[in-house]
PDB file of N, CA and C in Angstrom:
ATOM      1  N   UNK A   1    -178.926-158.068 -91.408  1.00  0.00           N
ATOM      2  CA  UNK A   1    -178.294-156.793 -91.172  1.00  0.00           C
ATOM      3  C   UNK A   1    -177.771-156.280 -92.506  1.00  0.00           C
ATOM      4  N   UNK A   2    -178.055-155.023 -92.799  1.00  0.00           N
ATOM      5  CA  UNK A   2    -177.637-154.448 -94.067  1.00  0.00           C
ATOM      6  C   UNK A   2    -176.220-153.903 -93.967  1.00  0.00           C
ATOM      7  N   UNK A   3    -175.588-153.774 -95.124  1.00  0.00           N
ATOM      8  CA  UNK A   3    -174.222-153.268 -95.170  1.00  0.00           C
ATOM      9  C   UNK A   3    -174.235-151.751 -95.025  1.00  0.00           C
ATOM     10  N   UNK A   4    -173.257-151.217 -94.309  1.00  0.00           N
ATOM     11  CA  UNK A   4    -173.176-149.757 -94.196  1.00  0.00           C
ATOM     12  C   UNK A   4    -172.772-149.136 -95.525  1.00  0.00           C
ATOM     13  N   UNK A   5    -173.114-147.886 -95.755  1.00  0.00           N
ATOM     14  CA  UNK A   5    -172.752-147.234 -97.015  1.00  0.00           C
ATOM     15  C   UNK A   5    -171.246-146.977 -97.084  1.00  0.00           C
ATOM     16  N   UNK A   6    -170.737-146.907 -98.301  1.00  0.00           N
ATOM     17  CA  UNK A   6    -169.334-146.592 -98.523  1.00  0.00           C
ATOM     18  C   UNK A   6    -169.233-145.089 -98.745  1.00  0.00           C
ATOM     19  N   UNK A   7    -168.543-144.396 -97.841  1.00  0.00           N
ATOM     20  CA  UNK A   7    -168.423-142.945 -97.900  1.00  0.00           C
ATOM     21  C   UNK A   7    -166.974-142.526 -97.736  1.00  0.00           C
ATOM     22  N   UNK A   8    -166.676-141.350 -98.253  1.00  0.00           N
ATOM     23  CA  UNK A   8    -165.378-140.737 -97.975  1.00  0.00           C
ATOM     24  C   UNK A   8    -165.488-140.036 -96.626  1.00  0.00           C
ATOM     25  N   UNK A   9    -164.362-139.781 -96.006  1.00  0.00           N
ATOM     26  CA  UNK A   9    -164.345-139.208 -94.659  1.00  0.00           C
ATOM     27  C   UNK A   9    -165.048-137.854 -94.609  1.00  0.00           C
ATOM     28  N   UNK A  10    -164.832-137.007 -95.592  1.00  0.00           N
ATOM     29  CA  UNK A  10    -165.437-135.671 -95.574  1.00  0.00           C
ATOM     30  C   UNK A  10    -166.957-135.746 -95.666  1.00  0.00           C
ATOM     31  N   UNK A  11    -167.486-136.727 -96.415  1.00  0.00           N
ATOM     32  CA  UNK A  11    -168.936-136.917 -96.491  1.00  0.00           C
ATOM     33  C   UNK A  11    -169.481-137.364 -95.131  1.00  0.00           C
ATOM     34  N   UNK A  12    -168.753-138.269 -94.492  1.00  0.00           N
ATOM     35  CA  UNK A  12    -169.167-138.765 -93.185  1.00  0.00           C
ATOM     36  C   UNK A  12    -169.122-137.654 -92.144  1.00  0.00           C
ATOM     37  N   UNK A  13    -168.129-136.800 -92.210  1.00  0.00           N
ATOM     38  CA  UNK A  13    -168.005-135.697 -91.258  1.00  0.00           C
ATOM     39  C   UNK A  13    -169.193-134.747 -91.376  1.00  0.00           C
ATOM     40  N   UNK A  14    -169.628-134.456 -92.590  1.00  0.00           N
ATOM     41  CA  UNK A  14    -170.788-133.576 -92.782  1.00  0.00           C
ATOM     42  C   UNK A  14    -172.037-134.158 -92.125  1.00  0.00           C
ATOM     43  N   UNK A  15    -172.226-135.467 -92.272  1.00  0.00           N
ATOM     44  CA  UNK A  15    -173.405-136.114 -91.688  1.00  0.00           C
ATOM     45  C   UNK A  15    -173.314-136.113 -90.168  1.00  0.00           C
ATOM     46  N   UNK A  16    -172.148-136.439 -89.639  1.00  0.00           N
ATOM     47  CA  UNK A  16    -171.960-136.477 -88.185  1.00  0.00           C
ATOM     48  C   UNK A  16    -172.188-135.093 -87.575  1.00  0.00           C
ATOM     49  N   UNK A  17    -171.749-134.050 -88.271  1.00  0.00           N
ATOM     50  CA  UNK A  17    -171.965-132.692 -87.775  1.00  0.00           C
ATOM     51  C   UNK A  17    -173.455-132.328 -87.796  1.00  0.00           C
ATOM     52  N   UNK A  18    -174.183-132.801 -88.809  1.00  0.00           N
ATOM     53  CA  UNK A  18    -175.629-132.564 -88.853  1.00  0.00           C
ATOM     54  C   UNK A  18    -176.342-133.249 -87.689  1.00  0.00           C
ATOM     55  N   UNK A  19    -175.743-134.329 -87.179  1.00  0.00           N
ATOM     56  CA  UNK A  19    -176.328-135.057 -86.054  1.00  0.00           C
ATOM     57  C   UNK A  19    -176.014-134.412 -84.711  1.00  0.00           C
ATOM     58  N   UNK A  20    -175.243-133.323 -84.724  1.00  0.00           N
ATOM     59  CA  UNK A  20    -174.976-132.596 -83.495  1.00  0.00           C
ATOM     60  C   UNK A  20    -173.594-132.798 -82.905  1.00  0.00           C
ATOM     61  N   UNK A  21    -172.724-133.505 -83.606  1.00  0.00           N
ATOM     62  CA  UNK A  21    -171.362-133.704 -83.126  1.00  0.00           C
ATOM     63  C   UNK A  21    -170.509-132.510 -83.544  1.00  0.00           C
ATOM     64  N   UNK A  22    -169.552-132.148 -82.694  1.00  0.00           N
ATOM     65  CA  UNK A  22    -168.625-131.066 -83.021  1.00  0.00           C
ATOM     66  C   UNK A  22    -167.201-131.606 -82.973  1.00  0.00           C
ATOM     67  N   UNK A  23    -166.366-131.031 -83.822  1.00  0.00           N
ATOM     68  CA  UNK A  23    -164.968-131.437 -83.861  1.00  0.00           C
ATOM     69  C   UNK A  23    -164.278-130.869 -82.629  1.00  0.00           C
ATOM     70  N   UNK A  24    -163.959-131.736 -81.681  1.00  0.00           N
ATOM     71  CA  UNK A  24    -163.363-131.270 -80.432  1.00  0.00           C
ATOM     72  C   UNK A  24    -161.856-131.092 -80.546  1.00  0.00           C
ATOM     73  N   UNK A  25    -161.218-131.926 -81.369  1.00  0.00           N
ATOM     74  CA  UNK A  25    -159.780-131.799 -81.567  1.00  0.00           C
ATOM     75  C   UNK A  25    -159.367-132.678 -82.724  1.00  0.00           C
ATOM     76  N   UNK A  26    -158.109-132.556 -83.126  1.00  0.00           N
ATOM     77  CA  UNK A  26    -157.575-133.439 -84.151  1.00  0.00           C
ATOM     78  C   UNK A  26    -156.126-133.745 -83.822  1.00  0.00           C
ATOM     79  N   UNK A  27    -155.690-134.880 -84.277  1.00  0.00           N
ATOM     80  CA  UNK A  27    -154.308-135.290 -84.091  1.00  0.00           C
ATOM     81  C   UNK A  27    -153.875-135.968 -85.378  1.00  0.00           C
ATOM     82  N   UNK A  28    -153.040-135.272 -86.125  1.00  0.00           N
ATOM     83  CA  UNK A  28    -152.649-135.798 -87.424  1.00  0.00           C
ATOM     84  C   UNK A  28    -153.841-135.816 -88.351  1.00  0.00           C
ATOM     85  N   UNK A  29    -154.146-136.980 -88.875  1.00  0.00           N
ATOM     86  CA  UNK A  29    -155.268-137.098 -89.798  1.00  0.00           C
ATOM     87  C   UNK A  29    -156.526-137.636 -89.122  1.00  0.00           C
ATOM     88  N   UNK A  30    -156.545-137.697 -87.800  1.00  0.00           N
ATOM     89  CA  UNK A  30    -157.690-138.210 -87.071  1.00  0.00           C
ATOM     90  C   UNK A  30    -158.443-137.064 -86.397  1.00  0.00           C
ATOM     91  N   UNK A  31    -159.736-136.994 -86.700  1.00  0.00           N
ATOM     92  CA  UNK A  31    -160.584-135.948 -86.152  1.00  0.00           C
ATOM     93  C   UNK A  31    -161.474-136.564 -85.077  1.00  0.00           C
ATOM     94  N   UNK A  32    -161.494-135.947 -83.898  1.00  0.00           N
ATOM     95  CA  UNK A  32    -162.251-136.428 -82.757  1.00  0.00           C
ATOM     96  C   UNK A  32    -163.526-135.598 -82.633  1.00  0.00           C
ATOM     97  N   UNK A  33    -164.665-136.287 -82.621  1.00  0.00           N
ATOM     98  CA  UNK A  33    -165.956-135.612 -82.546  1.00  0.00           C
ATOM     99  C   UNK A  33    -166.639-135.960 -81.238  1.00  0.00           C
ATOM    100  N   UNK A  34    -167.322-134.966 -80.667  1.00  0.00           N
ATOM    101  CA  UNK A  34    -168.000-135.138 -79.398  1.00  0.00           C
ATOM    102  C   UNK A  34    -169.406-134.564 -79.501  1.00  0.00           C
ATOM    103  N   UNK A  35    -170.350-135.263 -78.884  1.00  0.00           N
ATOM    104  CA  UNK A  35    -171.735-134.823 -78.829  1.00  0.00           C
ATOM    105  C   UNK A  35    -171.996-134.281 -77.436  1.00  0.00           C
ATOM    106  N   UNK A  36    -172.968-133.392 -77.312  1.00  0.00           N
ATOM    107  CA  UNK A  36    -173.226-132.780 -76.001  1.00  0.00           C
ATOM    108  C   UNK A  36    -173.714-133.787 -74.967  1.00  0.00           C
ATOM    109  N   UNK A  37    -174.211-134.946 -75.388  1.00  0.00           N
ATOM    110  CA  UNK A  37    -174.650-135.949 -74.423  1.00  0.00           C
ATOM    111  C   UNK A  37    -173.545-136.944 -74.050  1.00  0.00           C
ATOM    112  N   UNK A  38    -172.307-136.711 -74.548  1.00  0.00           N
ATOM    113  CA  UNK A  38    -171.172-137.528 -74.134  1.00  0.00           C
ATOM    114  C   UNK A  38    -170.671-138.541 -75.139  1.00  0.00           C
ATOM    115  N   UNK A  39    -171.428-138.789 -76.200  1.00  0.00           N
ATOM    116  CA  UNK A  39    -170.967-139.741 -77.209  1.00  0.00           C
ATOM    117  C   UNK A  39    -169.766-139.166 -77.951  1.00  0.00           C
ATOM    118  N   UNK A  40    -168.804-140.021 -78.288  1.00  0.00           N
ATOM    119  CA  UNK A  40    -167.628-139.588 -79.034  1.00  0.00           C
ATOM    120  C   UNK A  40    -167.309-140.585 -80.129  1.00  0.00           C
ATOM    121  N   UNK A  41    -166.598-140.107 -81.147  1.00  0.00           N
ATOM    122  CA  UNK A  41    -166.112-140.975 -82.209  1.00  0.00           C
ATOM    123  C   UNK A  41    -164.900-140.334 -82.856  1.00  0.00           C
ATOM    124  N   UNK A  42    -164.137-141.140 -83.555  1.00  0.00           N
ATOM    125  CA  UNK A  42    -162.939-140.679 -84.254  1.00  0.00           C
ATOM    126  C   UNK A  42    -163.083-141.033 -85.722  1.00  0.00           C
ATOM    127  N   UNK A  43    -162.811-140.060 -86.594  1.00  0.00           N
ATOM    128  CA  UNK A  43    -162.889-140.291 -88.033  1.00  0.00           C
ATOM    129  C   UNK A  43    -161.532-139.977 -88.648  1.00  0.00           C
ATOM    130  N   UNK A  44    -160.883-140.975 -89.272  1.00  0.00           N
ATOM    131  CA  UNK A  44    -159.612-140.716 -89.945  1.00  0.00           C
ATOM    132  C   UNK A  44    -159.867-140.109 -91.323  1.00  0.00           C
ATOM    133  N   UNK A  45    -159.137-139.066 -91.664  1.00  0.00           N
ATOM    134  CA  UNK A  45    -159.307-138.399 -92.954  1.00  0.00           C
ATOM    135  C   UNK A  45    -158.059-138.643 -93.790  1.00  0.00           C
ATOM    136  N   UNK A  46    -158.199-139.521 -94.782  1.00  0.00           N
ATOM    137  CA  UNK A  46    -157.116-139.805 -95.714  1.00  0.00           C
ATOM    138  C   UNK A  46    -157.647-139.500 -97.107  1.00  0.00           C
ATOM    139  N   UNK A  47    -157.065-138.517 -97.755  1.00  0.00           N
ATOM    140  CA  UNK A  47    -157.605-138.043 -99.033  1.00  0.00           C
ATOM    141  C   UNK A  47    -157.634-139.161-100.072  1.00  0.00           C
ATOM    142  N   UNK A  48    -158.755-139.221-100.768  1.00  0.00           N
ATOM    143  CA  UNK A  48    -158.908-140.186-101.842  1.00  0.00           C
ATOM    144  C   UNK A  48    -159.324-141.566-101.397  1.00  0.00           C
ATOM    145  N   UNK A  49    -159.416-141.823-100.114  1.00  0.00           N
ATOM    146  CA  UNK A  49    -159.782-143.152 -99.628  1.00  0.00           C
ATOM    147  C   UNK A  49    -161.165-143.107 -98.979  1.00  0.00           C
ATOM    148  N   UNK A  50    -161.820-144.247 -99.001  1.00  0.00           N
ATOM    149  CA  UNK A  50    -163.131-144.367 -98.370  1.00  0.00           C
ATOM    150  C   UNK A  50    -162.971-145.027 -96.999  1.00  0.00           C
ATOM    151  N   UNK A  51    -163.982-144.872 -96.180  1.00  0.00           N
ATOM    152  CA  UNK A  51    -164.001-145.499 -94.864  1.00  0.00           C
ATOM    153  C   UNK A  51    -164.344-146.980 -95.053  1.00  0.00           C
ATOM    154  N   UNK A  52    -163.551-147.871 -94.467  1.00  0.00           N
ATOM    155  CA  UNK A  52    -163.793-149.309 -94.618  1.00  0.00           C
ATOM    156  C   UNK A  52    -165.104-149.695 -93.933  1.00  0.00           C
ATOM    157  N   UNK A  53    -165.663-150.825 -94.338  1.00  0.00           N
ATOM    158  CA  UNK A  53    -166.947-151.261 -93.791  1.00  0.00           C
ATOM    159  C   UNK A  53    -166.857-151.524 -92.295  1.00  0.00           C
ATOM    160  N   UNK A  54    -165.765-152.138 -91.844  1.00  0.00           N
ATOM    161  CA  UNK A  54    -165.596-152.416 -90.418  1.00  0.00           C
ATOM    162  C   UNK A  54    -165.502-151.143 -89.602  1.00  0.00           C
ATOM    163  N   UNK A  55    -164.745-150.175 -90.099  1.00  0.00           N
ATOM    164  CA  UNK A  55    -164.613-148.898 -89.403  1.00  0.00           C
ATOM    165  C   UNK A  55    -165.943-148.142 -89.406  1.00  0.00           C
ATOM    166  N   UNK A  56    -166.676-148.224 -90.504  1.00  0.00           N
ATOM    167  CA  UNK A  56    -167.980-147.560 -90.578  1.00  0.00           C
ATOM    168  C   UNK A  56    -168.938-148.150 -89.549  1.00  0.00           C
ATOM    169  N   UNK A  57    -168.923-149.459 -89.391  1.00  0.00           N
ATOM    170  CA  UNK A  57    -169.763-150.100 -88.372  1.00  0.00           C
ATOM    171  C   UNK A  57    -169.361-149.631 -86.969  1.00  0.00           C
ATOM    172  N   UNK A  58    -168.071-149.517 -86.735  1.00  0.00           N
ATOM    173  CA  UNK A  58    -167.579-149.063 -85.438  1.00  0.00           C
ATOM    174  C   UNK A  58    -168.006-147.620 -85.157  1.00  0.00           C
ATOM    175  N   UNK A  59    -167.915-146.762 -86.161  1.00  0.00           N
ATOM    176  CA  UNK A  59    -168.330-145.371 -86.004  1.00  0.00           C
ATOM    177  C   UNK A  59    -169.830-145.294 -85.734  1.00  0.00           C
ATOM    178  N   UNK A  60    -170.617-146.081 -86.456  1.00  0.00           N
ATOM    179  CA  UNK A  60    -172.063-146.092 -86.234  1.00  0.00           C
ATOM    180  C   UNK A  60    -172.392-146.574 -84.823  1.00  0.00           C
ATOM    181  N   UNK A  61    -171.640-147.542 -84.324  1.00  0.00           N
ATOM    182  CA  UNK A  61    -171.834-148.019 -82.959  1.00  0.00           C
ATOM    183  C   UNK A  61    -171.484-146.912 -81.964  1.00  0.00           C
ATOM    184  N   UNK A  62    -170.397-146.178 -82.231  1.00  0.00           N
ATOM    185  CA  UNK A  62    -169.988-145.076 -81.357  1.00  0.00           C
ATOM    186  C   UNK A  62    -171.049-143.987 -81.278  1.00  0.00           C
ATOM    187  N   UNK A  63    -171.673-143.665 -82.417  1.00  0.00           N
ATOM    188  CA  UNK A  63    -172.660-142.584 -82.412  1.00  0.00           C
ATOM    189  C   UNK A  63    -174.059-143.079 -82.061  1.00  0.00           C
ATOM    190  N   UNK A  64    -174.205-144.393 -81.882  1.00  0.00           N
ATOM    191  CA  UNK A  64    -175.468-144.951 -81.404  1.00  0.00           C
ATOM    192  C   UNK A  64    -176.543-145.054 -82.455  1.00  0.00           C
ATOM    193  N   UNK A  65    -176.161-145.405 -83.677  1.00  0.00           N
ATOM    194  CA  UNK A  65    -177.145-145.531 -84.759  1.00  0.00           C
ATOM    195  C   UNK A  65    -176.992-146.867 -85.462  1.00  0.00           C
ATOM    196  N   UNK A  66    -178.110-147.362 -85.973  1.00  0.00           N
ATOM    197  CA  UNK A  66    -178.056-148.550 -86.813  1.00  0.00           C
ATOM    198  C   UNK A  66    -177.787-148.110 -88.249  1.00  0.00           C
ATOM    199  N   UNK A  67    -177.464-149.058 -89.091  1.00  0.00           N
ATOM    200  CA  UNK A  67    -177.188-148.764 -90.499  1.00  0.00           C
ATOM    201  C   UNK A  67    -178.431-148.173 -91.164  1.00  0.00           C
ATOM    202  N   UNK A  68    -179.599-148.737 -90.852  1.00  0.00           N
ATOM    203  CA  UNK A  68    -180.840-148.256 -91.467  1.00  0.00           C
ATOM    204  C   UNK A  68    -181.174-146.829 -91.022  1.00  0.00           C
ATOM    205  N   UNK A  69    -180.958-146.512 -89.747  1.00  0.00           N
ATOM    206  CA  UNK A  69    -181.184-145.146 -89.265  1.00  0.00           C
ATOM    207  C   UNK A  69    -180.229-144.173 -89.944  1.00  0.00           C
ATOM    208  N   UNK A  70    -178.975-144.599 -90.105  1.00  0.00           N
ATOM    209  CA  UNK A  70    -177.967-143.730 -90.695  1.00  0.00           C
ATOM    210  C   UNK A  70    -178.268-143.430 -92.162  1.00  0.00           C
ATOM    211  N   UNK A  71    -178.814-144.414 -92.877  1.00  0.00           N
ATOM    212  CA  UNK A  71    -179.124-144.207 -94.300  1.00  0.00           C
ATOM    213  C   UNK A  71    -180.115-143.076 -94.524  1.00  0.00           C
ATOM    214  N   UNK A  72    -180.933-142.746 -93.541  1.00  0.00           N
ATOM    215  CA  UNK A  72    -181.895-141.652 -93.667  1.00  0.00           C
ATOM    216  C   UNK A  72    -181.199-140.302 -93.812  1.00  0.00           C
ATOM    217  N   UNK A  73    -179.960-140.204 -93.331  1.00  0.00           N
ATOM    218  CA  UNK A  73    -179.231-138.933 -93.360  1.00  0.00           C
ATOM    219  C   UNK A  73    -178.357-138.771 -94.598  1.00  0.00           C
ATOM    220  N   UNK A  74    -178.369-139.745 -95.498  1.00  0.00           N
ATOM    221  CA  UNK A  74    -177.560-139.641 -96.718  1.00  0.00           C
ATOM    222  C   UNK A  74    -178.176-138.710 -97.730  1.00  0.00           C
TER     223      UNK A  74
END
């Protein structure tokens, strides 16, 4: 299994939006995204910090993609 890419939250949000997710709401620094088929995920936005590898794996699991599939959208 390959390691997920290291991205900042804003970069990840752009990719998730290209995949068809829309920002349904936010609470503090956490942005909630929803897809029309029911998939959801939460992305924390903390300026200057990157998304940790564990959290990136969790987000990829939420959106239903493998690391290799996700790399195609970088």
